[in-house]
C-alpha cells in the first residue's frame, strides 16, 4: 500500500473512531504506515488538538468540521512526530484529503492552518 492510500485509510478510521468513540480500532491488520498514523494521532490527540487550536485565526476549534479536524490531526502528527516525511508532502496530502472529503473551502482552510503552524515551528 502506498502512503497516500495509507493516509486515506487512516483518515477513514480516525473519522469513524471520532463518531463512534466506543468502537476500538483493530490495528493488527493495518498497513504499518496507517497503523503508525492512527495510533499516533489517538495517543497524541490532546497535544495535536491544542496545537491546531492555537493556530486558528478568527475561528474557534469547536467550529472546525470533523473532516477538517481529522485531516489536520493527521498532518500535524506527521509534521510534529514523523521526521522522515517532508513537511511539504504532509501539507499537500492533507490538502488533497480535504478536497476529496471536505467542501470546496476545506483545502484552503487546512492549508492556512498548517501554514500558521509551520511558520511558528520554523521561527
Protein backbone atom coordinates (compact mmCIF):
# COMPACT_ATOMS: atom_id res chain seq x y z
CA UNK A 1 0.00 0.00 0.00
CA UNK A 2 1.41 3.42 -0.90
CA UNK A 3 1.47 6.21 1.67
CA UNK A 4 -1.32 8.21 0.03
CA UNK A 5 -3.65 5.22 0.30
CA UNK A 6 -2.45 4.56 3.85
CA UNK A 7 -3.25 8.17 4.83
CA UNK A 8 -6.70 7.89 3.31
CA UNK A 9 -7.32 4.68 5.24
CA UNK A 10 -6.07 6.36 8.43
CA UNK A 11 -8.41 9.29 7.75
CA UNK A 12 -11.41 6.98 7.41
CA UNK A 13 -10.54 5.04 10.56
CA UNK A 14 -9.93 8.16 12.65
CA UNK A 15 -13.09 9.84 11.35
CA UNK A 16 -15.15 6.77 12.21
CA UNK A 17 -13.42 6.42 15.59
CA UNK A 18 -14.35 10.02 16.44
CA UNK A 19 -18.02 9.39 15.60
CA UNK A 20 -18.19 6.03 17.42
CA UNK A 21 -15.83 6.62 20.33
CA UNK A 22 -16.64 3.26 21.89
CA UNK A 23 -15.51 1.41 18.79
CA UNK A 24 -11.94 0.15 19.12
CA UNK A 25 -9.63 0.05 16.15
CA UNK A 26 -8.19 -3.36 15.36
CA UNK A 27 -4.69 -2.31 14.44
CA UNK A 28 -3.33 -5.81 13.86
CA UNK A 29 -4.45 -5.99 10.23
CA UNK A 30 -3.49 -2.43 9.30
CA UNK A 31 -0.75 -1.37 6.94
CA UNK A 32 2.27 -0.33 9.09
CA UNK A 33 2.11 3.34 8.00
CA UNK A 34 -1.65 3.51 8.55
CA UNK A 35 -1.17 1.95 11.98
CA UNK A 36 1.55 4.47 12.87
CA UNK A 37 -0.72 7.39 11.95
CA UNK A 38 -3.88 6.05 13.59
CA UNK A 39 -2.27 5.03 16.88
CA UNK A 40 -0.09 8.15 16.94
CA UNK A 41 -2.99 10.54 16.41
CA UNK A 42 -5.06 8.79 19.07
CA UNK A 43 -2.13 8.82 21.52
CA UNK A 44 -1.20 12.48 20.91
CA UNK A 45 -4.71 13.80 20.25
CA UNK A 46 -4.77 16.34 23.10
CA UNK A 47 -1.41 17.87 22.14
CA UNK A 48 -2.33 17.89 18.46
CA UNK A 49 -5.73 19.48 19.09
CA UNK A 50 -4.13 22.15 21.29
CA UNK A 51 -1.57 22.96 18.60
CA UNK A 52 -4.31 23.25 15.98
CA UNK A 53 -6.45 25.38 18.28
CA UNK A 54 -3.54 27.74 18.98
CA UNK A 55 -3.08 28.40 15.25
CA UNK A 56 -6.66 29.13 14.21
CA UNK A 57 -7.26 32.74 13.24
CA UNK A 58 -10.74 34.18 13.79
CA UNK A 59 -12.12 30.69 14.31
CA UNK A 60 -12.80 28.51 17.34
CA UNK A 61 -11.73 24.88 17.44
CA UNK A 62 -15.28 23.80 18.25
CA UNK A 63 -16.47 25.22 14.91
CA UNK A 64 -14.00 23.21 12.82
CA UNK A 65 -15.82 20.42 10.97
CA UNK A 66 -14.82 16.83 11.73
CA UNK A 67 -13.42 16.27 8.23
CA UNK A 68 -11.02 19.19 8.61
CA UNK A 69 -10.16 18.24 12.21
CA UNK A 70 -9.28 14.72 11.17
CA UNK A 71 -7.18 15.85 8.21
CA UNK A 72 -5.41 18.44 10.36
CA UNK A 73 -4.72 15.88 13.09
CA UNK A 74 -3.04 13.56 10.60
CA UNK A 75 -0.94 16.33 9.07
CA UNK A 76 0.07 17.81 12.43
CA UNK A 77 1.02 14.35 13.69
CA UNK A 78 3.23 13.81 10.64
CA UNK A 79 4.81 17.26 10.85
CA UNK A 80 5.42 17.07 14.58
CA UNK A 81 6.30 13.43 15.20
CA UNK A 82 7.49 11.86 11.92
CA UNK A 83 10.86 13.19 10.80
CA UNK A 84 11.07 11.03 7.67
CA UNK A 85 8.25 12.86 5.85
CA UNK A 86 8.96 16.26 4.26
CA UNK A 87 6.65 18.97 5.60
CA UNK A 88 5.54 19.88 2.08
CA UNK A 89 4.40 16.32 1.45
CA UNK A 90 2.32 16.28 4.64
CA UNK A 91 0.69 19.59 3.69
CA UNK A 92 -0.01 18.52 0.09
CA UNK A 93 -1.50 15.22 1.21
CA UNK A 94 -3.69 17.00 3.78
CA UNK A 95 -4.98 19.43 1.16
CA UNK A 96 -5.73 16.54 -1.21
CA UNK A 97 -7.67 14.68 1.51
CA UNK A 98 -9.57 17.91 2.20
CA UNK A 99 -10.53 18.27 -1.45
CA UNK A 100 -11.72 14.66 -1.52
CA UNK A 101 -13.73 14.56 1.70
CA UNK A 102 -14.47 18.19 2.57
CA UNK A 103 -16.23 21.00 0.79
CA UNK A 104 -14.80 23.50 -1.69
CA UNK A 105 -13.26 25.64 1.09
CA UNK A 106 -11.67 22.79 3.06
CA UNK A 107 -8.37 22.67 1.22
CA UNK A 108 -7.73 26.39 1.62
CA UNK A 109 -8.66 26.25 5.33
CA UNK A 110 -6.40 23.25 6.03
CA UNK A 111 -3.53 24.82 4.08
CA UNK A 112 -3.90 28.06 6.04
CA UNK A 113 -3.88 26.38 9.44
CA UNK A 114 -0.90 24.20 8.55
CA UNK A 115 0.96 27.23 7.19
CA UNK A 116 0.41 29.03 10.51
CA UNK A 117 1.80 26.01 12.38
CA UNK A 118 4.83 25.75 10.07
CA UNK A 119 5.61 29.46 10.39
CA UNK A 120 5.75 29.16 14.17
CA UNK A 121 7.73 25.92 14.04
CA UNK A 122 10.37 27.44 11.76
CA UNK A 123 10.77 30.64 13.79
